[in-house]
Amino acid sequence: MPVGDRWSAALLTGLFVAVAVILFLLIYVGLPQHQHFDAMILIGVVALVLALGSYLAESLSRQAAAQRSLAWGFFGMGFAVLFLTIGLGPTYHLESTFNMLLGLLLTFIALIVAVAGIAWRGRALRRTANRELPRQAWRNEPVASAFSYAAANSPSVPEAAPPPNPPTPPAPGK
């Protein structure tokens, strides 16, 4: 691994988080005082979009720990903001109980879909890792030479040729 790769991931992660914080502040401050409820809903949705973007960015890196951390962080933040904002809406007389329950139901459905996608992706990664085990074991074996004595007497080569088939007697009457 080149020397510069260690700090560049941290730097890019920090810059991405800084841009996300500024974006969230712009959303919250940009909407008027009476629309902060809508701003919080929008911040939760934007956090989920950023989680998806971070997840997709994992494919661009060999060591995707930074992108994976961002994806999990934005995933947790997005759903936490959405659940808390929607759940506390009736407390502040911003929405009705029916709208709160409908919003929570839709958010739970989105969470179920996201968790199912995470489980599906995790299963695919485990399957790929299990396929790589025999390949890695094969790569670690020493290369057999056709000129070595061990290669000529390997278990796949029979020690002696099979006996010849006995001659069949001619049919009687011929």
N, C-alpha and C. Protein backbone atom coordinates (compact mmCIF):
# COMPACT_ATOMS: atom_id res chain seq x y z
N MET A 1 0.85 -1.17 0.00
CA MET A 1 0.00 0.00 0.00
C MET A 1 0.90 1.23 0.00
N PRO A 2 0.65 2.17 -0.89
CA PRO A 2 1.46 3.40 -0.89
C PRO A 2 1.27 4.18 0.40
N VAL A 3 2.29 4.95 0.73
CA VAL A 3 2.29 5.68 2.00
C VAL A 3 1.16 6.70 2.06
N GLY A 4 0.86 7.36 0.97
CA GLY A 4 -0.14 8.43 0.97
C GLY A 4 -1.57 7.97 1.13
N ASP A 5 -1.83 6.67 0.98
CA ASP A 5 -3.21 6.18 1.04
C ASP A 5 -3.81 6.27 2.43
N ARG A 6 -3.02 6.25 3.47
CA ARG A 6 -3.56 6.22 4.82
C ARG A 6 -4.19 7.56 5.21
N TRP A 7 -3.58 8.65 4.89
CA TRP A 7 -4.12 9.93 5.30
C TRP A 7 -5.16 10.44 4.31
N SER A 8 -5.12 10.00 3.05
CA SER A 8 -6.07 10.53 2.07
C SER A 8 -7.49 10.07 2.38
N ALA A 9 -7.67 8.85 2.86
CA ALA A 9 -9.01 8.37 3.21
C ALA A 9 -9.57 9.18 4.38
N ALA A 10 -8.74 9.45 5.38
CA ALA A 10 -9.20 10.26 6.52
C ALA A 10 -9.51 11.68 6.08
N LEU A 11 -8.69 12.23 5.22
CA LEU A 11 -8.92 13.59 4.74
C LEU A 11 -10.22 13.67 3.93
N LEU A 12 -10.42 12.72 3.03
CA LEU A 12 -11.65 12.73 2.23
C LEU A 12 -12.88 12.51 3.10
N THR A 13 -12.76 11.66 4.10
CA THR A 13 -13.88 11.44 5.02
C THR A 13 -14.20 12.71 5.77
N GLY A 14 -13.18 13.38 6.28
CA GLY A 14 -13.39 14.64 6.99
C GLY A 14 -14.02 15.71 6.11
N LEU A 15 -13.54 15.82 4.88
CA LEU A 15 -14.12 16.79 3.95
C LEU A 15 -15.57 16.46 3.62
N PHE A 16 -15.87 15.19 3.43
CA PHE A 16 -17.24 14.78 3.13
C PHE A 16 -18.17 15.07 4.30
N VAL A 17 -17.70 14.82 5.51
CA VAL A 17 -18.51 15.11 6.70
C VAL A 17 -18.72 16.62 6.84
N ALA A 18 -17.68 17.40 6.57
CA ALA A 18 -17.80 18.86 6.66
C ALA A 18 -18.82 19.38 5.65
N VAL A 19 -18.78 18.86 4.44
CA VAL A 19 -19.76 19.26 3.42
C VAL A 19 -21.17 18.86 3.86
N ALA A 20 -21.32 17.68 4.44
CA ALA A 20 -22.64 17.23 4.91
C ALA A 20 -23.15 18.13 6.03
N VAL A 21 -22.27 18.51 6.96
CA VAL A 21 -22.69 19.39 8.06
C VAL A 21 -23.14 20.74 7.51
N ILE A 22 -22.38 21.29 6.58
CA ILE A 22 -22.76 22.59 5.99
C ILE A 22 -24.08 22.45 5.24
N LEU A 23 -24.27 21.35 4.53
CA LEU A 23 -25.53 21.13 3.82
C LEU A 23 -26.70 21.04 4.79
N PHE A 24 -26.52 20.32 5.90
CA PHE A 24 -27.59 20.21 6.89
C PHE A 24 -27.90 21.57 7.51
N LEU A 25 -26.86 22.35 7.80
CA LEU A 25 -27.08 23.69 8.36
C LEU A 25 -27.81 24.59 7.36
N LEU A 26 -27.43 24.50 6.09
CA LEU A 26 -28.11 25.30 5.06
C LEU A 26 -29.60 24.93 4.98
N ILE A 27 -29.90 23.67 5.06
CA ILE A 27 -31.31 23.24 5.01
C ILE A 27 -32.05 23.78 6.23
N TYR A 28 -31.47 23.63 7.41
CA TYR A 28 -32.16 24.03 8.63
C TYR A 28 -32.32 25.54 8.72
N VAL A 29 -31.27 26.28 8.39
CA VAL A 29 -31.32 27.75 8.48
C VAL A 29 -32.05 28.35 7.29
N GLY A 30 -32.00 27.68 6.15
CA GLY A 30 -32.61 28.21 4.93
C GLY A 30 -34.13 28.21 4.95
N LEU A 31 -34.71 27.33 5.71
CA LEU A 31 -36.17 27.32 5.79
C LEU A 31 -36.62 28.21 6.95
N PRO A 32 -37.77 28.87 6.81
CA PRO A 32 -38.24 29.76 7.88
C PRO A 32 -38.52 29.00 9.19
N GLN A 33 -38.65 29.76 10.27
CA GLN A 33 -38.83 29.21 11.61
C GLN A 33 -39.98 28.22 11.69
N HIS A 34 -41.10 28.51 11.05
CA HIS A 34 -42.27 27.65 11.17
C HIS A 34 -42.15 26.39 10.29
N GLN A 35 -41.07 26.25 9.55
CA GLN A 35 -40.89 25.06 8.72
C GLN A 35 -39.71 24.20 9.17
N HIS A 36 -39.30 24.33 10.42
CA HIS A 36 -38.18 23.53 10.91
C HIS A 36 -38.53 22.04 10.97
N PHE A 37 -39.80 21.74 11.16
CA PHE A 37 -40.23 20.34 11.11
C PHE A 37 -39.93 19.76 9.73
N ASP A 38 -40.30 20.50 8.69
CA ASP A 38 -40.02 20.06 7.32
C ASP A 38 -38.52 19.99 7.07
N ALA A 39 -37.77 20.92 7.65
CA ALA A 39 -36.31 20.92 7.50
C ALA A 39 -35.71 19.66 8.10
N MET A 40 -36.21 19.25 9.27
CA MET A 40 -35.68 18.05 9.90
C MET A 40 -36.03 16.79 9.08
N ILE A 41 -37.22 16.76 8.52
CA ILE A 41 -37.58 15.63 7.64
C ILE A 41 -36.64 15.61 6.44
N LEU A 42 -36.40 16.77 5.84
CA LEU A 42 -35.50 16.86 4.69
C LEU A 42 -34.07 16.47 5.06
N ILE A 43 -33.62 16.86 6.24
CA ILE A 43 -32.28 16.48 6.69
C ILE A 43 -32.19 14.96 6.84
N GLY A 44 -33.22 14.32 7.38
CA GLY A 44 -33.21 12.87 7.51
C GLY A 44 -33.15 12.18 6.15
N VAL A 45 -33.92 12.69 5.21
CA VAL A 45 -33.92 12.10 3.86
C VAL A 45 -32.56 12.32 3.18
N VAL A 46 -32.00 13.52 3.31
CA VAL A 46 -30.69 13.80 2.72
C VAL A 46 -29.61 12.91 3.35
N ALA A 47 -29.70 12.67 4.65
CA ALA A 47 -28.74 11.78 5.32
C ALA A 47 -28.84 10.37 4.74
N LEU A 48 -30.05 9.90 4.45
CA LEU A 48 -30.20 8.57 3.85
C LEU A 48 -29.65 8.54 2.42
N VAL A 49 -29.82 9.63 1.69
CA VAL A 49 -29.25 9.71 0.34
C VAL A 49 -27.71 9.71 0.42
N LEU A 50 -27.16 10.44 1.40
CA LEU A 50 -25.71 10.44 1.59
C LEU A 50 -25.22 9.05 2.02
N ALA A 51 -26.01 8.33 2.80
CA ALA A 51 -25.64 6.95 3.17
C ALA A 51 -25.58 6.07 1.93
N LEU A 52 -26.55 6.21 1.05
CA LEU A 52 -26.55 5.45 -0.19
C LEU A 52 -25.34 5.82 -1.05
N GLY A 53 -25.04 7.12 -1.14
CA GLY A 53 -23.87 7.56 -1.90
C GLY A 53 -22.58 7.03 -1.32
N SER A 54 -22.46 7.01 0.00
CA SER A 54 -21.26 6.46 0.64
C SER A 54 -21.16 4.96 0.41
N TYR A 55 -22.29 4.29 0.44
CA TYR A 55 -22.30 2.85 0.19
C TYR A 55 -21.84 2.56 -1.24
N LEU A 56 -22.33 3.33 -2.20
CA LEU A 56 -21.93 3.13 -3.59
C LEU A 56 -20.46 3.50 -3.80
N ALA A 57 -19.95 4.45 -3.00
CA ALA A 57 -18.54 4.85 -3.11
C ALA A 57 -17.59 3.76 -2.62
N GLU A 58 -18.11 2.78 -1.88
CA GLU A 58 -17.27 1.67 -1.43
C GLU A 58 -16.67 0.92 -2.61
N SER A 59 -17.38 0.88 -3.72
CA SER A 59 -16.89 0.13 -4.87
C SER A 59 -15.71 0.82 -5.54
N LEU A 60 -15.44 2.08 -5.21
CA LEU A 60 -14.34 2.82 -5.82
C LEU A 60 -13.03 2.68 -5.06
N SER A 61 -13.03 1.96 -3.96
CA SER A 61 -11.85 1.89 -3.12
C SER A 61 -11.51 0.45 -2.78
N ARG A 62 -10.21 0.18 -2.66
CA ARG A 62 -9.79 -1.16 -2.24
C ARG A 62 -9.98 -1.34 -0.75
N GLN A 63 -9.73 -0.30 0.03
CA GLN A 63 -9.94 -0.32 1.47
C GLN A 63 -11.10 0.63 1.76
N ALA A 64 -12.29 0.10 1.86
CA ALA A 64 -13.50 0.92 1.93
C ALA A 64 -13.98 1.17 3.35
N ALA A 65 -13.09 1.15 4.33
CA ALA A 65 -13.51 1.34 5.71
C ALA A 65 -14.10 2.73 5.93
N ALA A 66 -13.50 3.75 5.33
CA ALA A 66 -14.00 5.12 5.51
C ALA A 66 -15.39 5.27 4.90
N GLN A 67 -15.57 4.77 3.69
CA GLN A 67 -16.88 4.87 3.05
C GLN A 67 -17.92 4.06 3.80
N ARG A 68 -17.54 2.90 4.29
CA ARG A 68 -18.48 2.06 5.04
C ARG A 68 -18.88 2.75 6.34
N SER A 69 -17.92 3.38 7.00
CA SER A 69 -18.22 4.11 8.24
C SER A 69 -19.17 5.27 7.97
N LEU A 70 -18.91 6.00 6.90
CA LEU A 70 -19.82 7.10 6.55
C LEU A 70 -21.21 6.57 6.22
N ALA A 71 -21.27 5.47 5.49
CA ALA A 71 -22.58 4.92 5.13
C ALA A 71 -23.36 4.53 6.38
N TRP A 72 -22.71 3.85 7.32
CA TRP A 72 -23.40 3.45 8.55
C TRP A 72 -23.78 4.68 9.38
N GLY A 73 -22.89 5.67 9.45
CA GLY A 73 -23.19 6.87 10.23
C GLY A 73 -24.38 7.64 9.67
N PHE A 74 -24.37 7.86 8.36
CA PHE A 74 -25.50 8.56 7.74
C PHE A 74 -26.78 7.73 7.81
N PHE A 75 -26.66 6.41 7.69
CA PHE A 75 -27.82 5.52 7.81
C PHE A 75 -28.46 5.68 9.19
N GLY A 76 -27.65 5.60 10.23
CA GLY A 76 -28.18 5.74 11.59
C GLY A 76 -28.73 7.12 11.84
N MET A 77 -28.01 8.14 11.38
CA MET A 77 -28.46 9.51 11.59
C MET A 77 -29.78 9.77 10.86
N GLY A 78 -29.86 9.33 9.62
CA GLY A 78 -31.07 9.58 8.83
C GLY A 78 -32.31 8.97 9.46
N PHE A 79 -32.21 7.71 9.85
CA PHE A 79 -33.38 7.07 10.46
C PHE A 79 -33.67 7.62 11.85
N ALA A 80 -32.64 7.95 12.61
CA ALA A 80 -32.87 8.53 13.94
C ALA A 80 -33.58 9.87 13.83
N VAL A 81 -33.12 10.72 12.91
CA VAL A 81 -33.76 12.03 12.73
C VAL A 81 -35.20 11.86 12.26
N LEU A 82 -35.42 10.95 11.32
CA LEU A 82 -36.78 10.75 10.82
C LEU A 82 -37.71 10.21 11.90
N PHE A 83 -37.28 9.19 12.63
CA PHE A 83 -38.15 8.63 13.67
C PHE A 83 -38.43 9.64 14.77
N LEU A 84 -37.41 10.36 15.21
CA LEU A 84 -37.64 11.35 16.28
C LEU A 84 -38.49 12.52 15.81
N THR A 85 -38.23 13.02 14.62
CA THR A 85 -39.00 14.16 14.13
C THR A 85 -40.46 13.78 13.92
N ILE A 86 -40.70 12.66 13.27
CA ILE A 86 -42.08 12.24 13.02
C ILE A 86 -42.76 11.86 14.32
N GLY A 87 -42.05 11.16 15.20
CA GLY A 87 -42.65 10.73 16.46
C GLY A 87 -42.97 11.87 17.40
N LEU A 88 -42.18 12.94 17.36
CA LEU A 88 -42.43 14.09 18.25
C LEU A 88 -43.31 15.16 17.61
N GLY A 89 -43.71 14.96 16.37
CA GLY A 89 -44.54 15.95 15.67
C GLY A 89 -45.82 16.32 16.40
N PRO A 90 -46.63 15.36 16.86
CA PRO A 90 -47.87 15.71 17.56
C PRO A 90 -47.60 16.40 18.91
N THR A 91 -46.47 16.13 19.54
CA THR A 91 -46.15 16.76 20.81
C THR A 91 -46.05 18.27 20.67
N TYR A 92 -45.53 18.70 19.54
CA TYR A 92 -45.37 20.14 19.29
C TYR A 92 -46.50 20.69 18.42
N HIS A 93 -47.57 19.92 18.27
CA HIS A 93 -48.75 20.32 17.51
C HIS A 93 -48.39 20.67 16.07
N LEU A 94 -47.48 19.89 15.49
CA LEU A 94 -47.08 20.12 14.11
C LEU A 94 -47.78 19.18 13.14
N GLU A 95 -48.27 18.06 13.64
CA GLU A 95 -48.99 17.13 12.78
C GLU A 95 -49.98 16.35 13.63
N SER A 96 -50.91 15.71 12.94
CA SER A 96 -51.93 14.94 13.66
C SER A 96 -51.38 13.56 14.03
N THR A 97 -52.08 12.90 14.90
CA THR A 97 -51.66 11.55 15.31
C THR A 97 -51.74 10.59 14.13
N PHE A 98 -52.75 10.75 13.28
CA PHE A 98 -52.87 9.90 12.10
C PHE A 98 -51.66 10.08 11.19
N ASN A 99 -51.29 11.35 10.92
CA ASN A 99 -50.13 11.61 10.07
C ASN A 99 -48.84 11.08 10.70
N MET A 100 -48.75 11.17 12.04
CA MET A 100 -47.57 10.65 12.72
C MET A 100 -47.48 9.13 12.53
N LEU A 101 -48.61 8.43 12.73
CA LEU A 101 -48.59 6.98 12.58
C LEU A 101 -48.31 6.57 11.13
N LEU A 102 -48.88 7.30 10.19
CA LEU A 102 -48.61 7.02 8.78
C LEU A 102 -47.14 7.26 8.46
N GLY A 103 -46.58 8.36 8.94
CA GLY A 103 -45.17 8.65 8.71
C GLY A 103 -44.26 7.62 9.34
N LEU A 104 -44.59 7.19 10.57
CA LEU A 104 -43.79 6.16 11.22
C LEU A 104 -43.88 4.83 10.47
N LEU A 105 -45.08 4.50 9.96
CA LEU A 105 -45.25 3.27 9.19
C LEU A 105 -44.38 3.31 7.93
N LEU A 106 -44.42 4.41 7.21
CA LEU A 106 -43.61 4.54 5.99
C LEU A 106 -42.11 4.49 6.31
N THR A 107 -41.72 5.10 7.42
CA THR A 107 -40.31 5.08 7.81
C THR A 107 -39.88 3.67 8.21
N PHE A 108 -40.77 2.94 8.91
CA PHE A 108 -40.46 1.55 9.25
C PHE A 108 -40.34 0.68 8.01
N ILE A 109 -41.19 0.91 7.03
CA ILE A 109 -41.10 0.16 5.78
C ILE A 109 -39.77 0.46 5.09
N ALA A 110 -39.37 1.72 5.06
CA ALA A 110 -38.08 2.08 4.47
C ALA A 110 -36.93 1.42 5.24
N LEU A 111 -37.04 1.37 6.56
CA LEU A 111 -36.01 0.73 7.38
C LEU A 111 -35.95 -0.77 7.09
N ILE A 112 -37.09 -1.41 6.95
CA ILE A 112 -37.14 -2.85 6.64
C ILE A 112 -36.48 -3.12 5.29
N VAL A 113 -36.78 -2.29 4.30
CA VAL A 113 -36.18 -2.46 2.97
C VAL A 113 -34.67 -2.28 3.05
N ALA A 114 -34.22 -1.27 3.80
CA ALA A 114 -32.79 -1.02 3.93
C ALA A 114 -32.09 -2.18 4.65
N VAL A 115 -32.68 -2.68 5.72
CA VAL A 115 -32.07 -3.79 6.46
C VAL A 115 -32.07 -5.06 5.59
N ALA A 116 -33.11 -5.28 4.81
CA ALA A 116 -33.13 -6.44 3.91
C ALA A 116 -32.03 -6.30 2.86
N GLY A 117 -31.82 -5.11 2.35
CA GLY A 117 -30.73 -4.89 1.40
C GLY A 117 -29.37 -5.11 2.02
N ILE A 118 -29.20 -4.69 3.27
CA ILE A 118 -27.94 -4.90 3.98
C ILE A 118 -27.70 -6.39 4.19
N ALA A 119 -28.74 -7.12 4.58
CA ALA A 119 -28.60 -8.57 4.79
C ALA A 119 -28.28 -9.29 3.49
N TRP A 120 -28.93 -8.88 2.41
CA TRP A 120 -28.67 -9.49 1.11
C TRP A 120 -27.23 -9.24 0.68
N ARG A 121 -26.75 -8.02 0.86
CA ARG A 121 -25.37 -7.68 0.48
C ARG A 121 -24.37 -8.43 1.37
N GLY A 122 -24.66 -8.54 2.66
CA GLY A 122 -23.78 -9.26 3.57
C GLY A 122 -23.67 -10.73 3.20
N ARG A 123 -24.80 -11.33 2.80
CA ARG A 123 -24.79 -12.72 2.39
C ARG A 123 -23.97 -12.90 1.12
N ALA A 124 -24.09 -11.96 0.19
CA ALA A 124 -23.30 -12.04 -1.04
C ALA A 124 -21.81 -11.90 -0.74
N LEU A 125 -21.44 -11.03 0.19
CA LEU A 125 -20.03 -10.88 0.55
C LEU A 125 -19.50 -12.15 1.22
N ARG A 126 -20.29 -12.76 2.09
CA ARG A 126 -19.86 -14.01 2.73
C ARG A 126 -19.70 -15.13 1.70
N ARG A 127 -20.61 -15.20 0.75
CA ARG A 127 -20.54 -16.23 -0.29
C ARG A 127 -19.27 -16.04 -1.12
N THR A 128 -18.95 -14.80 -1.46
CA THR A 128 -17.73 -14.52 -2.21
C THR A 128 -16.49 -14.88 -1.40
N ALA A 129 -16.49 -14.55 -0.12
CA ALA A 129 -15.35 -14.88 0.74
C ALA A 129 -15.19 -16.40 0.85
N ASN A 130 -16.29 -17.14 0.95
CA ASN A 130 -16.21 -18.60 1.02
C ASN A 130 -15.68 -19.20 -0.28
N ARG A 131 -16.01 -18.58 -1.42
CA ARG A 131 -15.48 -19.07 -2.69
C ARG A 131 -13.99 -18.80 -2.80
N GLU A 132 -13.52 -17.75 -2.16
CA GLU A 132 -12.10 -17.39 -2.24
C GLU A 132 -11.23 -18.29 -1.38
N LEU A 133 -11.77 -18.97 -0.37
CA LEU A 133 -10.96 -19.81 0.51
C LEU A 133 -10.21 -20.91 -0.25
N PRO A 134 -10.89 -21.73 -1.07
CA PRO A 134 -10.14 -22.75 -1.82
C PRO A 134 -9.14 -22.13 -2.80
N ARG A 135 -9.49 -21.01 -3.41
CA ARG A 135 -8.57 -20.36 -4.34
C ARG A 135 -7.31 -19.90 -3.62
N GLN A 136 -7.49 -19.33 -2.44
CA GLN A 136 -6.34 -18.86 -1.68
C GLN A 136 -5.48 -20.04 -1.24
N ALA A 137 -6.10 -21.14 -0.83
CA ALA A 137 -5.34 -22.33 -0.45
C ALA A 137 -4.56 -22.87 -1.65
N TRP A 138 -5.18 -22.86 -2.81
CA TRP A 138 -4.50 -23.32 -4.02
C TRP A 138 -3.33 -22.41 -4.38
N ARG A 139 -3.51 -21.10 -4.21
CA ARG A 139 -2.43 -20.16 -4.51
C ARG A 139 -1.25 -20.33 -3.55
N ASN A 140 -1.52 -20.76 -2.33
CA ASN A 140 -0.45 -20.91 -1.34
C ASN A 140 0.32 -22.22 -1.50
N GLU A 141 -0.19 -23.16 -2.29
CA GLU A 141 0.51 -24.42 -2.50
C GLU A 141 1.75 -24.18 -3.35
N PRO A 142 2.82 -24.94 -3.08
CA PRO A 142 4.01 -24.79 -3.93
C PRO A 142 3.72 -25.30 -5.33
N VAL A 143 4.35 -24.69 -6.30
CA VAL A 143 4.14 -25.07 -7.69
C VAL A 143 4.92 -26.35 -7.96
N ALA A 144 4.24 -27.33 -8.50
CA ALA A 144 4.89 -28.61 -8.82
C ALA A 144 5.60 -28.49 -10.16
N SER A 145 6.78 -29.03 -10.21
CA SER A 145 7.56 -29.01 -11.44
C SER A 145 7.40 -30.35 -12.14
N ALA A 146 7.31 -30.32 -13.44
CA ALA A 146 7.21 -31.55 -14.20
C ALA A 146 8.51 -32.34 -14.14
N PHE A 147 9.60 -31.68 -13.76
CA PHE A 147 10.90 -32.34 -13.71
C PHE A 147 11.24 -32.89 -12.34
N SER A 148 10.36 -32.67 -11.36
CA SER A 148 10.69 -33.16 -10.03
C SER A 148 10.16 -34.58 -9.85
N TYR A 149 10.81 -35.31 -8.98
CA TYR A 149 10.42 -36.69 -8.71
C TYR A 149 9.05 -36.74 -8.04
N ALA A 150 8.77 -35.76 -7.16
CA ALA A 150 7.49 -35.75 -6.44
C ALA A 150 6.33 -35.56 -7.40
N ALA A 151 6.50 -34.74 -8.44
CA ALA A 151 5.41 -34.50 -9.38
C ALA A 151 5.13 -35.75 -10.21
N ALA A 152 6.18 -36.47 -10.53
CA ALA A 152 5.99 -37.67 -11.35
C ALA A 152 5.30 -38.77 -10.55
N ASN A 153 5.48 -38.79 -9.24
CA ASN A 153 4.88 -39.83 -8.41
C ASN A 153 3.75 -39.28 -7.55
N SER A 154 3.03 -38.33 -8.05
CA SER A 154 1.93 -37.76 -7.27
C SER A 154 0.79 -38.77 -7.19
N PRO A 155 -0.11 -38.60 -6.24
CA PRO A 155 -1.21 -39.56 -6.10
C PRO A 155 -2.11 -39.64 -7.32
N SER A 156 -2.10 -38.64 -8.16
CA SER A 156 -2.98 -38.69 -9.32
C SER A 156 -2.43 -39.58 -10.42
N VAL A 157 -1.12 -39.93 -10.33
CA VAL A 157 -0.52 -40.80 -11.34
C VAL A 157 -0.51 -42.22 -10.77
N PRO A 158 -1.07 -43.20 -11.47
CA PRO A 158 -1.05 -44.56 -10.92
C PRO A 158 0.38 -45.09 -10.85
N GLU A 159 0.62 -45.91 -9.81
CA GLU A 159 1.97 -46.45 -9.62
C GLU A 159 2.32 -47.45 -10.72
N ALA A 160 1.40 -48.20 -11.15
CA ALA A 160 1.65 -49.19 -12.21
C ALA A 160 0.50 -49.14 -13.20
N ALA A 161 0.80 -49.50 -14.40
CA ALA A 161 -0.25 -49.51 -15.42
C ALA A 161 -1.23 -50.63 -15.10
N PRO A 162 -2.49 -50.45 -15.41
CA PRO A 162 -3.45 -51.52 -15.15
C PRO A 162 -3.11 -52.76 -16.00
N PRO A 163 -3.45 -53.93 -15.49
CA PRO A 163 -3.14 -55.14 -16.26
C PRO A 163 -3.92 -55.16 -17.57
N PRO A 164 -3.32 -55.76 -18.58
CA PRO A 164 -4.04 -55.81 -19.86
C PRO A 164 -5.27 -56.72 -19.74
N ASN A 165 -6.21 -56.44 -20.59
CA ASN A 165 -7.41 -57.27 -20.61
C ASN A 165 -7.04 -58.67 -21.11
N PRO A 166 -7.60 -59.73 -20.47
CA PRO A 166 -7.28 -61.07 -20.97
C PRO A 166 -7.85 -61.25 -22.36
N PRO A 167 -7.17 -62.04 -23.17
CA PRO A 167 -7.72 -62.26 -24.52
C PRO A 167 -9.01 -63.04 -24.44
N THR A 168 -9.92 -62.66 -25.26
CA THR A 168 -11.20 -63.34 -25.29
C THR A 168 -11.09 -64.57 -26.19
N PRO A 169 -11.56 -65.70 -25.72
CA PRO A 169 -11.48 -66.90 -26.57
C PRO A 169 -12.42 -66.76 -27.78
N PRO A 170 -12.04 -67.39 -28.86
CA PRO A 170 -12.93 -67.31 -30.03
C PRO A 170 -14.24 -68.05 -29.78
N ALA A 171 -15.24 -67.60 -30.40
CA ALA A 171 -16.56 -68.20 -30.22
C ALA A 171 -16.54 -69.63 -30.77
N PRO A 172 -17.23 -70.59 -30.10
CA PRO A 172 -17.22 -71.96 -30.58
C PRO A 172 -17.92 -72.08 -31.95
N GLY A 173 -17.39 -72.91 -32.73
CA GLY A 173 -17.96 -73.19 -34.04
C GLY A 173 -17.39 -72.27 -35.11
N LYS A 174 -16.49 -71.50 -34.84
CA LYS A 174 -15.93 -70.66 -35.87
C LYS A 174 -14.53 -71.02 -36.14
